[in-house]
Each structure stands twice: as structure tokens, then as C-alpha cells.
């Protein structure tokens, strides 16, 4: 299990920039990446079921077709991340930033993410529950064009 910490954590030698990970096509279920800084990392088709990604920076990451069932993504930044085809069933997404993310074909059923930031993301191309869809349509509507 890999642990990541904030820059004030003595176990963290990555500094402010963070560490770019390549966990593509790997099973990393229940991994601990809490407060990790991993912008630009590759998690394509990774199995991250039950993983803890809270309070981290995962901007510009590739999560295409990743399995993240029950993962905890709360209070993290996923700006410009690619979640196309990802399985995020029952993941915890509240208070996270999903600015300009791609969700085409992603499965967001059973998630709690109405308090997340969805600016510029195509959440309407994902499969999600009706109550979340209704909330997101009010707060982060689909553009007219």
C-alpha cells in the first residue's frame, strides 16, 4: 500500500510539486493516497475500489475506465481529469472539484456529489441517479450550444 501525505508530513519527500504515478492496468484496491499530490498521473483502467483519495490533488489525471467503486474522493481536486467509462458507483465525491472533467460513459450511480464543484464537466453524459441529476441540472446546467 502506498501512502501519500501533505508537504508538512515528514514521510512525504515529494515536496510541493507532487509525484506522478503510473498505476494504469493495476489492482490498487483500498490504497491510501490521502492528501497526496499526484497531478498528471495515469490511473487508466486501474482498480481503485475502496481507495482513499481524500484531500488530494489529482488534476489532469487519466482515470479512463478505472474501477473506483466505493472510493473516497472527498475534498480533492480533479480539475481537467478524464473519467470516461470509469465506474464510480457509491463513491464519495462531496466537496471535491471536478472542473472541466470528462464523464462520458462513466457510472455515477449511488454517489453523493451534489456539494461538489462540477463547472465545465459533462456530467450529463454519465449514468447517474435521478435525484443527483435533478440537483446538478439546477446548479451546473448543460450548456445550450
Protein backbone atom coordinates (compact mmCIF):
# COMPACT_ATOMS: atom_id res chain seq x y z
CA UNK A 1 0.00 0.00 0.00
CA UNK A 2 1.33 3.41 -0.97
CA UNK A 3 0.83 6.34 1.36
CA UNK A 4 0.97 9.95 0.43
CA UNK A 5 0.98 12.86 2.81
CA UNK A 6 0.83 16.60 2.83
CA UNK A 7 4.04 18.57 2.40
CA UNK A 8 4.30 19.02 6.18
CA UNK A 9 4.23 15.25 6.65
CA UNK A 10 7.79 14.03 7.37
CA UNK A 11 7.12 10.88 5.32
CA UNK A 12 6.47 12.95 2.20
CA UNK A 13 9.57 13.57 0.14
CA UNK A 14 7.68 14.78 -2.94
CA UNK A 15 7.54 18.45 -1.93
CA UNK A 16 5.02 20.87 -3.36
CA UNK A 17 5.11 19.54 -6.92
CA UNK A 18 3.90 16.07 -6.06
CA UNK A 19 4.64 12.69 -7.52
CA UNK A 20 3.42 11.50 -10.90
CA UNK A 21 2.14 7.92 -10.61
CA UNK A 22 1.54 5.32 -13.32
CA UNK A 23 -0.89 2.81 -11.86
CA UNK A 24 -2.54 2.03 -15.19
CA UNK A 25 -3.89 -1.52 -15.55
CA UNK A 26 -3.01 -2.34 -11.90
CA UNK A 27 -5.10 -3.52 -8.96
CA UNK A 28 -4.64 -0.96 -6.19
CA UNK A 29 -7.83 -1.64 -4.22
CA UNK A 30 -8.02 0.04 -0.80
CA UNK A 31 -4.90 2.14 -1.49
CA UNK A 32 -4.22 5.12 0.74
CA UNK A 33 -3.49 8.33 -1.18
CA UNK A 34 -4.93 10.72 1.40
CA UNK A 35 -3.60 14.29 0.98
CA UNK A 36 -1.46 13.10 -1.93
CA UNK A 37 -0.28 15.39 -4.69
CA UNK A 38 -0.32 13.42 -7.92
CA UNK A 39 -1.21 15.77 -10.81
CA UNK A 40 -0.85 14.30 -14.29
CA UNK A 41 -0.86 10.71 -13.03
CA UNK A 42 -2.12 7.73 -15.03
CA UNK A 43 -4.80 5.58 -13.40
CA UNK A 44 -6.24 4.27 -16.67
CA UNK A 45 -8.14 1.00 -16.13
CA UNK A 46 -6.76 0.77 -12.59
CA UNK A 47 -8.79 -0.93 -9.88
CA UNK A 48 -9.08 1.62 -7.07
CA UNK A 49 -12.12 0.13 -5.31
CA UNK A 50 -12.36 1.39 -1.74
CA UNK A 51 -9.30 3.62 -2.16
CA UNK A 52 -8.85 6.78 -0.05
CA UNK A 53 -8.07 9.78 -2.26
CA UNK A 54 -9.37 12.45 0.14
CA UNK A 55 -7.92 15.96 0.25
CA UNK A 56 -5.57 15.28 -2.67
CA UNK A 57 -4.58 16.90 -5.95
CA UNK A 58 -5.38 14.68 -8.94
CA UNK A 59 -5.60 17.41 -11.57
CA UNK A 60 -5.01 16.39 -15.20
CA UNK A 61 -5.14 12.68 -14.31
CA UNK A 62 -6.34 9.86 -16.55
CA UNK A 63 -9.00 7.70 -14.85
CA UNK A 64 -10.45 6.28 -18.10
CA UNK A 65 -12.29 3.00 -17.47
CA UNK A 66 -10.93 2.84 -13.91
CA UNK A 67 -12.93 0.99 -11.28
CA UNK A 68 -13.40 3.24 -8.26
CA UNK A 69 -16.37 1.57 -6.58
CA UNK A 70 -16.82 2.92 -3.06
CA UNK A 71 -13.69 5.09 -3.29
CA UNK A 72 -13.45 8.20 -1.10
CA UNK A 73 -12.66 11.25 -3.23
CA UNK A 74 -13.94 13.91 -0.85
CA UNK A 75 -12.29 17.35 -0.72
CA UNK A 76 -9.95 16.57 -3.63
CA UNK A 77 -9.13 18.44 -6.84
CA UNK A 78 -9.74 16.59 -10.12
CA UNK A 79 -9.52 19.58 -12.47
CA UNK A 80 -9.26 18.52 -16.16
CA UNK A 81 -9.34 14.83 -15.23
CA UNK A 82 -10.66 12.18 -17.64
CA UNK A 83 -13.24 9.80 -16.12
CA UNK A 84 -14.67 8.47 -19.41
CA UNK A 85 -16.04 4.98 -18.85
CA UNK A 86 -15.00 4.93 -15.18
CA UNK A 87 -17.05 3.03 -12.60
CA UNK A 88 -17.62 5.37 -9.64
CA UNK A 89 -20.62 3.57 -8.12
CA UNK A 90 -21.15 4.56 -4.48
CA UNK A 91 -18.02 6.72 -4.45
CA UNK A 92 -17.92 9.69 -2.08
CA UNK A 93 -17.44 12.86 -4.12
CA UNK A 94 -18.78 15.63 -1.88
CA UNK A 95 -16.77 18.85 -1.60
CA UNK A 96 -14.49 17.85 -4.48
CA UNK A 97 -13.62 19.93 -7.55
CA UNK A 98 -14.43 18.45 -10.96
CA UNK A 99 -13.69 21.50 -13.12
CA UNK A 100 -13.63 20.70 -16.86
CA UNK A 101 -13.70 16.91 -16.38
CA UNK A 102 -14.91 14.34 -18.91
CA UNK A 103 -17.51 11.81 -17.74
CA UNK A 104 -18.86 10.28 -20.96
CA UNK A 105 -19.91 6.69 -20.22
CA UNK A 106 -18.99 6.91 -16.52
CA UNK A 107 -21.23 5.23 -13.93
CA UNK A 108 -22.06 7.66 -11.11
CA UNK A 109 -24.99 5.77 -9.61
CA UNK A 110 -25.30 5.78 -5.85
CA UNK A 111 -22.84 8.63 -5.33
CA UNK A 112 -23.18 11.62 -3.07
CA UNK A 113 -21.77 14.52 -5.04
CA UNK A 114 -24.30 17.31 -5.02
CA UNK A 115 -21.96 19.51 -2.95
CA UNK A 116 -19.05 19.06 -5.37
CA UNK A 117 -17.98 21.63 -7.99
CA UNK A 118 -18.91 20.39 -11.49
CA UNK A 119 -18.06 23.55 -13.51
CA UNK A 120 -17.42 22.76 -17.18
CA UNK A 121 -17.76 18.98 -16.71
CA UNK A 122 -20.04 16.88 -18.90
CA UNK A 123 -21.83 15.06 -16.04
CA UNK A 124 -24.94 14.68 -18.27
CA UNK A 125 -23.05 12.11 -20.40
CA UNK A 126 -22.70 9.81 -17.38
CA UNK A 127 -25.15 7.35 -15.87
CA UNK A 128 -26.44 8.79 -12.60
CA UNK A 129 -29.42 8.65 -10.24
CA UNK A 130 -32.41 10.91 -10.93
CA UNK A 131 -32.11 12.87 -7.67
CA UNK A 132 -28.47 13.78 -8.35
CA UNK A 133 -29.29 14.58 -11.97
CA UNK A 134 -32.05 16.95 -10.86
CA UNK A 135 -29.71 18.73 -8.42
CA UNK A 136 -26.88 19.06 -10.94
CA UNK A 137 -29.23 20.37 -13.65
CA UNK A 138 -30.19 23.25 -11.35
CA UNK A 139 -26.70 24.12 -10.17
CA UNK A 140 -24.47 23.10 -13.13
CA UNK A 141 -26.76 23.11 -16.20
CA UNK A 142 -25.84 21.67 -19.57
CA UNK A 143 -24.70 24.45 -21.94
CA UNK A 144 -27.12 25.38 -24.72
CA UNK A 145 -24.63 25.04 -27.56
